[in-house]
């Protein structure tokens, strides 16, 4: 289940940082009930970029995968 917090929770930076660091996925910050910002820990970011690189090399650049 995605982690969503209202933008006003960013005022307490220590608490917000703890929420982001404890989440093992991106944290969606909402403003007026709509997604406004996505925040993630460095570990989650590195994992996402690693997956992006893997998919780019093994799917996008692979002519057999394009069909």
Protein backbone atom coordinates (compact mmCIF):
# COMPACT_ATOMS: atom_id res chain seq x y z
CA UNK A 1 0.00 0.00 0.00
CA UNK A 2 1.51 3.37 -0.95
CA UNK A 3 2.52 5.77 1.81
CA UNK A 4 0.68 9.10 1.44
CA UNK A 5 1.02 12.12 3.71
CA UNK A 6 -0.47 15.61 3.49
CA UNK A 7 1.95 18.42 2.66
CA UNK A 8 1.47 20.00 6.10
CA UNK A 9 3.37 17.03 7.60
CA UNK A 10 6.51 18.31 5.90
CA UNK A 11 6.60 21.18 8.44
CA UNK A 12 7.91 18.73 11.03
CA UNK A 13 11.02 17.83 9.06
CA UNK A 14 12.34 15.30 11.57
CA UNK A 15 9.09 13.33 11.56
CA UNK A 16 8.74 13.55 7.78
CA UNK A 17 12.32 12.40 7.28
CA UNK A 18 11.69 9.46 9.59
CA UNK A 19 8.59 8.51 7.61
CA UNK A 20 10.55 8.60 4.34
CA UNK A 21 13.53 6.69 5.72
CA UNK A 22 11.34 3.95 7.23
CA UNK A 23 9.26 3.48 4.08
CA UNK A 24 10.60 0.88 1.70
CA UNK A 25 8.89 2.65 -1.17
CA UNK A 26 8.32 6.22 -2.39
CA UNK A 27 6.24 8.49 -0.14
CA UNK A 28 3.56 10.51 -1.92
CA UNK A 29 2.94 13.99 -0.52
CA UNK A 30 -0.50 15.36 -1.27
CA UNK A 31 -1.73 18.92 -1.56
CA UNK A 32 -5.48 19.52 -1.61
CA UNK A 33 -5.98 15.77 -1.93
CA UNK A 34 -3.81 15.42 -5.05
CA UNK A 35 -0.29 14.08 -5.41
CA UNK A 36 2.17 16.97 -5.43
CA UNK A 37 5.57 15.52 -4.50
CA UNK A 38 7.18 12.11 -4.33
CA UNK A 39 9.99 11.62 -1.82
CA UNK A 40 12.14 8.55 -1.23
CA UNK A 41 15.14 7.43 0.77
CA UNK A 42 18.51 7.15 -0.96
CA UNK A 43 18.24 3.34 -0.81
CA UNK A 44 14.85 3.32 -2.55
CA UNK A 45 16.15 5.81 -5.14
CA UNK A 46 19.24 3.69 -5.87
CA UNK A 47 17.10 0.56 -6.22
CA UNK A 48 14.75 2.36 -8.63
CA UNK A 49 17.65 3.67 -10.72
CA UNK A 50 19.24 0.20 -10.76
CA UNK A 51 16.00 -1.31 -12.04
CA UNK A 52 15.67 1.48 -14.60
CA UNK A 53 19.19 0.79 -15.87
CA UNK A 54 18.56 -2.94 -16.03
CA UNK A 55 15.34 -2.47 -17.98
CA UNK A 56 16.99 0.01 -20.34
CA UNK A 57 19.87 -2.36 -21.12
CA UNK A 58 17.88 -5.60 -21.26
CA UNK A 59 14.56 -4.53 -22.71
CA UNK A 60 14.76 -1.18 -24.47
CA UNK A 61 18.11 -1.78 -26.15
CA UNK A 62 17.37 -5.44 -26.90
CA UNK A 63 15.86 -5.82 -30.41
CA UNK A 64 14.47 -9.27 -29.53
CA UNK A 65 12.51 -7.81 -26.62
CA UNK A 66 10.92 -5.14 -28.81
CA UNK A 67 9.05 -7.78 -30.78
